PDB file of N, CA and C in Angstrom:
ATOM      1  N   MET A   1     170.384-165.346  43.888  1.00  0.00           N
ATOM      2  CA  MET A   1     170.052-165.231  42.505  1.00  0.00           C
ATOM      3  C   MET A   1     171.352-165.180  41.712  1.00  0.00           C
ATOM      4  N   SER A   2     171.569-166.154  40.877  1.00  0.00           N
ATOM      5  CA  SER A   2     172.801-166.175  40.090  1.00  0.00           C
ATOM      6  C   SER A   2     172.512-165.675  38.685  1.00  0.00           C
ATOM      7  N   GLN A   3     173.470-164.951  38.156  1.00  0.00           N
ATOM      8  CA  GLN A   3     173.340-164.440  36.803  1.00  0.00           C
ATOM      9  C   GLN A   3     174.417-165.072  35.947  1.00  0.00           C
ATOM     10  N   MET A   4     174.029-165.426  34.747  1.00  0.00           N
ATOM     11  CA  MET A   4     174.998-165.985  33.822  1.00  0.00           C
ATOM     12  C   MET A   4     175.872-164.857  33.304  1.00  0.00           C
ATOM     13  N   ASN A   5     177.132-165.162  33.129  1.00  0.00           N
ATOM     14  CA  ASN A   5     178.030-164.159  32.579  1.00  0.00           C
ATOM     15  C   ASN A   5     177.757-164.006  31.097  1.00  0.00           C
ATOM     16  N   SER A   6     177.619-162.775  30.685  1.00  0.00           N
ATOM     17  CA  SER A   6     177.416-162.500  29.269  1.00  0.00           C
ATOM     18  C   SER A   6     178.374-161.380  28.879  1.00  0.00           C
ATOM     19  N   PRO A   7     178.634-161.261  27.591  1.00  0.00           N
ATOM     20  CA  PRO A   7     179.533-160.200  27.162  1.00  0.00           C
ATOM     21  C   PRO A   7     178.922-158.839  27.485  1.00  0.00           C
ATOM     22  N   PRO A   8     179.758-157.826  27.628  1.00  0.00           N
ATOM     23  CA  PRO A   8     179.225-156.499  27.919  1.00  0.00           C
ATOM     24  C   PRO A   8     178.301-156.024  26.797  1.00  0.00           C
ATOM     25  N   PRO A   9     177.330-155.197  27.141  1.00  0.00           N
ATOM     26  CA  PRO A   9     176.387-154.758  26.115  1.00  0.00           C
ATOM     27  C   PRO A   9     177.067-153.920  25.042  1.00  0.00           C
ATOM     28  N   PRO A  10     176.735-154.163  23.782  1.00  0.00           N
ATOM     29  CA  PRO A  10     177.289-153.345  22.716  1.00  0.00           C
ATOM     30  C   PRO A  10     176.711-151.936  22.784  1.00  0.00           C
ATOM     31  N   SER A  11     177.349-151.011  22.114  1.00  0.00           N
ATOM     32  CA  SER A  11     176.896-149.622  22.165  1.00  0.00           C
ATOM     33  C   SER A  11     175.514-149.449  21.551  1.00  0.00           C
ATOM     34  N   SER A  12     175.107-150.354  20.661  1.00  0.00           N
ATOM     35  CA  SER A  12     173.788-150.246  20.040  1.00  0.00           C
ATOM     36  C   SER A  12     172.673-150.559  21.035  1.00  0.00           C
ATOM     37  N   THR A  13     173.011-151.238  22.141  1.00  0.00           N
ATOM     38  CA  THR A  13     171.999-151.554  23.140  1.00  0.00           C
ATOM     39  C   THR A  13     171.412-150.288  23.727  1.00  0.00           C
ATOM     40  N   ASN A  14     172.241-149.280  23.961  1.00  0.00           N
ATOM     41  CA  ASN A  14     171.751-148.028  24.525  1.00  0.00           C
ATOM     42  C   ASN A  14     170.772-147.353  23.574  1.00  0.00           C
ATOM     43  N   SER A  15     171.089-147.325  22.280  1.00  0.00           N
ATOM     44  CA  SER A  15     170.180-146.687  21.337  1.00  0.00           C
ATOM     45  C   SER A  15     168.895-147.485  21.189  1.00  0.00           C
ATOM     46  N   ASN A  16     168.980-148.826  21.226  1.00  0.00           N
ATOM     47  CA  ASN A  16     167.772-149.658  21.194  1.00  0.00           C
ATOM     48  C   ASN A  16     166.929-149.420  22.438  1.00  0.00           C
ATOM     49  N   ARG A  17     167.567-149.278  23.575  1.00  0.00           N
ATOM     50  CA  ARG A  17     166.848-149.050  24.829  1.00  0.00           C
ATOM     51  C   ARG A  17     166.092-147.735  24.762  1.00  0.00           C
ATOM     52  N   ILE A  18     166.748-146.702  24.288  1.00  0.00           N
ATOM     53  CA  ILE A  18     166.113-145.387  24.198  1.00  0.00           C
ATOM     54  C   ILE A  18     164.996-145.390  23.150  1.00  0.00           C
ATOM     55  N   ALA A  19     165.252-145.958  21.986  1.00  0.00           N
ATOM     56  CA  ALA A  19     164.233-146.012  20.932  1.00  0.00           C
ATOM     57  C   ALA A  19     163.024-146.821  21.383  1.00  0.00           C
ATOM     58  N   ALA A  20     163.271-147.985  21.993  1.00  0.00           N
ATOM     59  CA  ALA A  20     162.162-148.818  22.466  1.00  0.00           C
ATOM     60  C   ALA A  20     161.395-148.119  23.580  1.00  0.00           C
ATOM     61  N   GLY A  21     162.096-147.431  24.463  1.00  0.00           N
ATOM     62  CA  GLY A  21     161.436-146.721  25.552  1.00  0.00           C
ATOM     63  C   GLY A  21     160.544-145.598  25.051  1.00  0.00           C
ATOM     64  N   ILE A  22     161.052-144.811  24.128  1.00  0.00           N
ATOM     65  CA  ILE A  22     160.267-143.691  23.593  1.00  0.00           C
ATOM     66  C   ILE A  22     159.076-144.200  22.783  1.00  0.00           C
ATOM     67  N   CYS A  23     159.297-145.215  21.966  1.00  0.00           N
ATOM     68  CA  CYS A  23     158.186-145.781  21.190  1.00  0.00           C
ATOM     69  C   CYS A  23     157.146-146.431  22.107  1.00  0.00           C
ATOM     70  N   GLY A  24     157.601-147.072  23.168  1.00  0.00           N
ATOM     71  CA  GLY A  24     156.665-147.663  24.118  1.00  0.00           C
ATOM     72  C   GLY A  24     155.792-146.613  24.769  1.00  0.00           C
ATOM     73  N   ILE A  25     156.375-145.472  25.097  1.00  0.00           N
ATOM     74  CA  ILE A  25     155.616-144.394  25.742  1.00  0.00           C
ATOM     75  C   ILE A  25     154.661-143.729  24.748  1.00  0.00           C
ATOM     76  N   LEU A  26     155.130-143.449  23.544  1.00  0.00           N
ATOM     77  CA  LEU A  26     154.321-142.689  22.595  1.00  0.00           C
ATOM     78  C   LEU A  26     153.319-143.530  21.810  1.00  0.00           C
ATOM     79  N   ILE A  27     153.752-144.684  21.297  1.00  0.00           N
ATOM     80  CA  ILE A  27     152.870-145.503  20.451  1.00  0.00           C
ATOM     81  C   ILE A  27     152.897-146.959  20.901  1.00  0.00           C
ATOM     82  N   GLY A  28     152.897-147.168  22.208  1.00  0.00           N
ATOM     83  CA  GLY A  28     153.011-148.507  22.768  1.00  0.00           C
ATOM     84  C   GLY A  28     151.879-149.439  22.410  1.00  0.00           C
ATOM     85  N   GLY A  29     150.708-148.908  22.123  1.00  0.00           N
ATOM     86  CA  GLY A  29     149.565-149.753  21.790  1.00  0.00           C
ATOM     87  C   GLY A  29     149.753-150.556  20.524  1.00  0.00           C
ATOM     88  N   PHE A  30     150.653-150.132  19.665  1.00  0.00           N
ATOM     89  CA  PHE A  30     150.909-150.849  18.421  1.00  0.00           C
ATOM     90  C   PHE A  30     152.053-151.852  18.534  1.00  0.00           C
ATOM     91  N   GLY A  31     152.719-151.916  19.674  1.00  0.00           N
ATOM     92  CA  GLY A  31     153.778-152.897  19.897  1.00  0.00           C
ATOM     93  C   GLY A  31     155.079-152.608  19.176  1.00  0.00           C
ATOM     94  N   VAL A  32     155.262-151.388  18.711  1.00  0.00           N
ATOM     95  CA  VAL A  32     156.475-151.040  17.958  1.00  0.00           C
ATOM     96  C   VAL A  32     157.723-151.269  18.808  1.00  0.00           C
ATOM     97  N   HIS A  33     157.644-150.972  20.082  1.00  0.00           N
ATOM     98  CA  HIS A  33     158.804-151.147  20.964  1.00  0.00           C
ATOM     99  C   HIS A  33     159.222-152.614  21.044  1.00  0.00           C
ATOM    100  N   LYS A  34     158.277-153.530  20.911  1.00  0.00           N
ATOM    101  CA  LYS A  34     158.606-154.963  20.912  1.00  0.00           C
ATOM    102  C   LYS A  34     159.361-155.343  19.635  1.00  0.00           C
ATOM    103  N   PHE A  35     158.911-154.806  18.507  1.00  0.00           N
ATOM    104  CA  PHE A  35     159.594-155.089  17.246  1.00  0.00           C
ATOM    105  C   PHE A  35     161.017-154.540  17.251  1.00  0.00           C
ATOM    106  N   ILE A  36     161.234-153.383  17.863  1.00  0.00           N
ATOM    107  CA  ILE A  36     162.576-152.805  17.957  1.00  0.00           C
ATOM    108  C   ILE A  36     163.511-153.749  18.704  1.00  0.00           C
ATOM    109  N   LEU A  37     162.975-154.428  19.725  1.00  0.00           N
ATOM    110  CA  LEU A  37     163.781-155.354  20.518  1.00  0.00           C
ATOM    111  C   LEU A  37     163.879-156.744  19.887  1.00  0.00           C
ATOM    112  N   GLY A  38     163.224-156.957  18.751  1.00  0.00           N
ATOM    113  CA  GLY A  38     163.264-158.247  18.088  1.00  0.00           C
ATOM    114  C   GLY A  38     162.292-159.255  18.669  1.00  0.00           C
ATOM    115  N   LEU A  39     161.324-158.781  19.436  1.00  0.00           N
ATOM    116  CA  LEU A  39     160.324-159.659  20.048  1.00  0.00           C
ATOM    117  C   LEU A  39     159.070-159.637  19.178  1.00  0.00           C
ATOM    118  N   THR A  40     159.082-160.444  18.128  1.00  0.00           N
ATOM    119  CA  THR A  40     158.031-160.399  17.119  1.00  0.00           C
ATOM    120  C   THR A  40     156.676-160.858  17.645  1.00  0.00           C
ATOM    121  N   THR A  41     156.632-161.968  18.357  1.00  0.00           N
ATOM    122  CA  THR A  41     155.346-162.500  18.823  1.00  0.00           C
ATOM    123  C   THR A  41     154.633-161.534  19.767  1.00  0.00           C
ATOM    124  N   PRO A  42     155.290-161.011  20.808  1.00  0.00           N
ATOM    125  CA  PRO A  42     154.589-160.037  21.650  1.00  0.00           C
ATOM    126  C   PRO A  42     154.190-158.771  20.887  1.00  0.00           C
ATOM    127  N   GLY A  43     155.007-158.362  19.927  1.00  0.00           N
ATOM    128  CA  GLY A  43     154.672-157.198  19.109  1.00  0.00           C
ATOM    129  C   GLY A  43     153.427-157.435  18.282  1.00  0.00           C
ATOM    130  N   LEU A  44     153.339-158.624  17.688  1.00  0.00           N
ATOM    131  CA  LEU A  44     152.149-158.964  16.905  1.00  0.00           C
ATOM    132  C   LEU A  44     150.913-159.057  17.789  1.00  0.00           C
ATOM    133  N   ILE A  45     151.062-159.602  18.986  1.00  0.00           N
ATOM    134  CA  ILE A  45     149.933-159.689  19.907  1.00  0.00           C
ATOM    135  C   ILE A  45     149.402-158.295  20.220  1.00  0.00           C
ATOM    136  N   MET A  46     150.294-157.378  20.550  1.00  0.00           N
ATOM    137  CA  MET A  46     149.869-156.016  20.876  1.00  0.00           C
ATOM    138  C   MET A  46     149.222-155.336  19.672  1.00  0.00           C
ATOM    139  N   LEU A  47     149.821-155.493  18.508  1.00  0.00           N
ATOM    140  CA  LEU A  47     149.289-154.888  17.290  1.00  0.00           C
ATOM    141  C   LEU A  47     147.908-155.449  16.953  1.00  0.00           C
ATOM    142  N   LEU A  48     147.774-156.760  16.996  1.00  0.00           N
ATOM    143  CA  LEU A  48     146.500-157.387  16.639  1.00  0.00           C
ATOM    144  C   LEU A  48     145.398-157.067  17.635  1.00  0.00           C
ATOM    145  N   VAL A  49     145.727-157.015  18.917  1.00  0.00           N
ATOM    146  CA  VAL A  49     144.711-156.652  19.913  1.00  0.00           C
ATOM    147  C   VAL A  49     144.203-155.239  19.638  1.00  0.00           C
ATOM    148  N   THR A  50     145.117-154.340  19.328  1.00  0.00           N
ATOM    149  CA  THR A  50     144.723-152.959  19.046  1.00  0.00           C
ATOM    150  C   THR A  50     143.877-152.871  17.776  1.00  0.00           C
ATOM    151  N   VAL A  51     144.309-153.523  16.712  1.00  0.00           N
ATOM    152  CA  VAL A  51     143.619-153.419  15.427  1.00  0.00           C
ATOM    153  C   VAL A  51     142.302-154.190  15.432  1.00  0.00           C
ATOM    154  N   LEU A  52     142.299-155.410  15.932  1.00  0.00           N
ATOM    155  CA  LEU A  52     141.104-156.250  15.857  1.00  0.00           C
ATOM    156  C   LEU A  52     139.986-155.806  16.796  1.00  0.00           C
ATOM    157  N   THR A  53     140.314-155.003  17.795  1.00  0.00           N
ATOM    158  CA  THR A  53     139.267-154.486  18.683  1.00  0.00           C
ATOM    159  C   THR A  53     138.895-153.052  18.301  1.00  0.00           C
ATOM    160  N   CYS A  54     139.282-152.637  17.107  1.00  0.00           N
ATOM    161  CA  CYS A  54     139.005-151.286  16.602  1.00  0.00           C
ATOM    162  C   CYS A  54     139.479-150.204  17.565  1.00  0.00           C
ATOM    163  N   GLY A  55     140.592-150.455  18.219  1.00  0.00           N
ATOM    164  CA  GLY A  55     141.210-149.463  19.084  1.00  0.00           C
ATOM    165  C   GLY A  55     140.827-149.557  20.549  1.00  0.00           C
ATOM    166  N   VAL A  56     139.756-150.290  20.873  1.00  0.00           N
ATOM    167  CA  VAL A  56     139.342-150.402  22.275  1.00  0.00           C
ATOM    168  C   VAL A  56     140.406-151.124  23.087  1.00  0.00           C
ATOM    169  N   GLY A  57     140.936-152.211  22.568  1.00  0.00           N
ATOM    170  CA  GLY A  57     142.013-152.934  23.239  1.00  0.00           C
ATOM    171  C   GLY A  57     143.304-152.143  23.237  1.00  0.00           C
ATOM    172  N   GLY A  58     143.385-151.144  22.353  1.00  0.00           N
ATOM    173  CA  GLY A  58     144.568-150.298  22.285  1.00  0.00           C
ATOM    174  C   GLY A  58     144.763-149.479  23.546  1.00  0.00           C
ATOM    175  N   ILE A  59     143.679-149.238  24.275  1.00  0.00           N
ATOM    176  CA  ILE A  59     143.797-148.504  25.536  1.00  0.00           C
ATOM    177  C   ILE A  59     144.634-149.319  26.516  1.00  0.00           C
ATOM    178  N   VAL A  60     144.305-150.584  26.641  1.00  0.00           N
ATOM    179  CA  VAL A  60     145.057-151.465  27.543  1.00  0.00           C
ATOM    180  C   VAL A  60     146.479-151.653  27.035  1.00  0.00           C
ATOM    181  N   MET A  61     146.626-151.891  25.739  1.00  0.00           N
ATOM    182  CA  MET A  61     147.958-152.081  25.158  1.00  0.00           C
ATOM    183  C   MET A  61     148.784-150.805  25.288  1.00  0.00           C
ATOM    184  N   GLY A  62     148.143-149.653  25.169  1.00  0.00           N
ATOM    185  CA  GLY A  62     148.842-148.380  25.339  1.00  0.00           C
ATOM    186  C   GLY A  62     149.362-148.200  26.754  1.00  0.00           C
ATOM    187  N   ILE A  63     148.572-148.624  27.736  1.00  0.00           N
ATOM    188  CA  ILE A  63     149.013-148.550  29.128  1.00  0.00           C
ATOM    189  C   ILE A  63     150.186-149.486  29.363  1.00  0.00           C
ATOM    190  N   ILE A  64     150.099-150.688  28.804  1.00  0.00           N
ATOM    191  CA  ILE A  64     151.213-151.641  28.915  1.00  0.00           C
ATOM    192  C   ILE A  64     152.460-151.060  28.256  1.00  0.00           C
ATOM    193  N   GLY A  65     152.309-150.478  27.070  1.00  0.00           N
ATOM    194  CA  GLY A  65     153.439-149.860  26.372  1.00  0.00           C
ATOM    195  C   GLY A  65     154.039-148.718  27.163  1.00  0.00           C
ATOM    196  N   LEU A  66     153.203-147.906  27.790  1.00  0.00           N
ATOM    197  CA  LEU A  66     153.675-146.801  28.617  1.00  0.00           C
ATOM    198  C   LEU A  66     154.507-147.315  29.785  1.00  0.00           C
ATOM    199  N   ILE A  67     154.001-148.326  30.469  1.00  0.00           N
ATOM    200  CA  ILE A  67     154.723-148.900  31.612  1.00  0.00           C
ATOM    201  C   ILE A  67     156.048-149.495  31.158  1.00  0.00           C
ATOM    202  N   GLU A  68     156.008-150.264  30.067  1.00  0.00           N
ATOM    203  CA  GLU A  68     157.236-150.883  29.579  1.00  0.00           C
ATOM    204  C   GLU A  68     158.243-149.838  29.111  1.00  0.00           C
ATOM    205  N   GLY A  69     157.780-148.780  28.459  1.00  0.00           N
ATOM    206  CA  GLY A  69     158.676-147.718  28.019  1.00  0.00           C
ATOM    207  C   GLY A  69     159.391-147.064  29.186  1.00  0.00           C
ATOM    208  N   ILE A  70     158.648-146.825  30.254  1.00  0.00           N
ATOM    209  CA  ILE A  70     159.264-146.238  31.451  1.00  0.00           C
ATOM    210  C   ILE A  70     160.268-147.207  32.061  1.00  0.00           C
ATOM    211  N   ILE A  71     159.916-148.482  32.105  1.00  0.00           N
ATOM    212  CA  ILE A  71     160.842-149.491  32.644  1.00  0.00           C
ATOM    213  C   ILE A  71     162.124-149.530  31.820  1.00  0.00           C
ATOM    214  N   TYR A  72     162.000-149.536  30.490  1.00  0.00           N
ATOM    215  CA  TYR A  72     163.178-149.575  29.624  1.00  0.00           C
ATOM    216  C   TYR A  72     164.101-148.388  29.891  1.00  0.00           C
ATOM    217  N   LEU A  73     163.518-147.213  30.039  1.00  0.00           N
ATOM    218  CA  LEU A  73     164.331-146.004  30.201  1.00  0.00           C
ATOM    219  C   LEU A  73     164.947-145.868  31.584  1.00  0.00           C
ATOM    220  N   THR A  74     164.395-146.567  32.577  1.00  0.00           N
ATOM    221  CA  THR A  74     164.950-146.462  33.931  1.00  0.00           C
ATOM    222  C   THR A  74     165.994-147.533  34.224  1.00  0.00           C
ATOM    223  N   LYS A  75     166.145-148.499  33.357  1.00  0.00           N
ATOM    224  CA  LYS A  75     167.161-149.540  33.545  1.00  0.00           C
ATOM    225  C   LYS A  75     168.523-149.039  33.071  1.00  0.00           C
ATOM    226  N   THR A  76     169.569-149.578  33.683  1.00  0.00           N
ATOM    227  CA  THR A  76     170.906-149.293  33.181  1.00  0.00           C
ATOM    228  C   THR A  76     171.125-150.087  31.899  1.00  0.00           C
ATOM    229  N   ASP A  77     172.157-149.723  31.152  1.00  0.00           N
ATOM    230  CA  ASP A  77     172.458-150.461  29.917  1.00  0.00           C
ATOM    231  C   ASP A  77     172.713-151.929  30.202  1.00  0.00           C
ATOM    232  N   GLU A  78     173.416-152.225  31.293  1.00  0.00           N
ATOM    233  CA  GLU A  78     173.739-153.613  31.633  1.00  0.00           C
ATOM    234  C   GLU A  78     172.481-154.394  31.993  1.00  0.00           C
ATOM    235  N   GLN A  79     171.608-153.792  32.808  1.00  0.00           N
ATOM    236  CA  GLN A  79     170.361-154.464  33.190  1.00  0.00           C
ATOM    237  C   GLN A  79     169.486-154.706  31.963  1.00  0.00           C
ATOM    238  N   PHE A  80     169.366-153.691  31.126  1.00  0.00           N
ATOM    239  CA  PHE A  80     168.550-153.805  29.923  1.00  0.00           C
ATOM    240  C   PHE A  80     169.089-154.895  29.004  1.00  0.00           C
ATOM    241  N   HIS A  81     170.400-154.890  28.790  1.00  0.00           N
ATOM    242  CA  HIS A  81     171.022-155.889  27.926  1.00  0.00           C
ATOM    243  C   HIS A  81     170.776-157.304  28.449  1.00  0.00           C
ATOM    244  N   GLN A  82     170.974-157.501  29.745  1.00  0.00           N
ATOM    245  CA  GLN A  82     170.801-158.829  30.339  1.00  0.00           C
ATOM    246  C   GLN A  82     169.353-159.304  30.230  1.00  0.00           C
ATOM    247  N   GLU A  83     168.403-158.444  30.556  1.00  0.00           N
ATOM    248  CA  GLU A  83     167.005-158.865  30.595  1.00  0.00           C
ATOM    249  C   GLU A  83     166.369-158.984  29.217  1.00  0.00           C
ATOM    250  N   TYR A  84     166.583-157.994  28.350  1.00  0.00           N
ATOM    251  CA  TYR A  84     165.827-157.937  27.105  1.00  0.00           C
ATOM    252  C   TYR A  84     166.592-158.401  25.877  1.00  0.00           C
ATOM    253  N   VAL A  85     167.915-158.428  25.937  1.00  0.00           N
ATOM    254  CA  VAL A  85     168.690-158.906  24.784  1.00  0.00           C
ATOM    255  C   VAL A  85     169.138-160.345  25.018  1.00  0.00           C
ATOM    256  N   VAL A  86     169.726-160.618  26.183  1.00  0.00           N
ATOM    257  CA  VAL A  86     170.232-161.955  26.466  1.00  0.00           C
ATOM    258  C   VAL A  86     169.087-162.903  26.825  1.00  0.00           C
ATOM    259  N   ASN A  87     168.259-162.505  27.805  1.00  0.00           N
ATOM    260  CA  ASN A  87     167.187-163.395  28.286  1.00  0.00           C
ATOM    261  C   ASN A  87     165.904-163.288  27.470  1.00  0.00           C
ATOM    262  N   LYS A  88     165.801-162.316  26.569  1.00  0.00           N
ATOM    263  CA  LYS A  88     164.626-162.128  25.717  1.00  0.00           C
ATOM    264  C   LYS A  88     163.331-162.038  26.535  1.00  0.00           C
ATOM    265  N   LYS A  89     163.363-161.277  27.626  1.00  0.00           N
ATOM    266  CA  LYS A  89     162.173-161.087  28.458  1.00  0.00           C
ATOM    267  C   LYS A  89     161.125-160.356  27.632  1.00  0.00           C
ATOM    268  N   ALA A  90     159.926-160.937  27.517  1.00  0.00           N
ATOM    269  CA  ALA A  90     158.922-160.389  26.619  1.00  0.00           C
ATOM    270  C   ALA A  90     158.000-159.355  27.257  1.00  0.00           C
ATOM    271  N   TRP A  91     157.634-159.543  28.492  1.00  0.00           N
ATOM    272  CA  TRP A  91     156.653-158.656  29.117  1.00  0.00           C
ATOM    273  C   TRP A  91     157.200-158.113  30.434  1.00  0.00           C
ATOM    274  N   PHE A  92     156.995-156.841  30.653  1.00  0.00           N
ATOM    275  CA  PHE A  92     157.397-156.117  31.854  1.00  0.00           C
ATOM    276  C   PHE A  92     158.763-156.561  32.296  1.00  0.00           C
TER     277      PHE A  92
END
């Protein structure tokens, strides 16, 4: 598995990682953690599923947000930067 060389993560990556992780755990059903990372389309998908199903779909989106929040917080700054800032990984 080869990785492209990218510049080292800026110091703001750590704060984005923590903010996205906490928001994913607490209010993940609304997709706020996706918006923090600049991933507008996945954020809108999560928000619309939650709102348009009157909260029923929010249960599933909340579980996804919880899992993603935990993943964000367990990654190192370098791993997080490479996957979610450079490669723009949208899901899990």
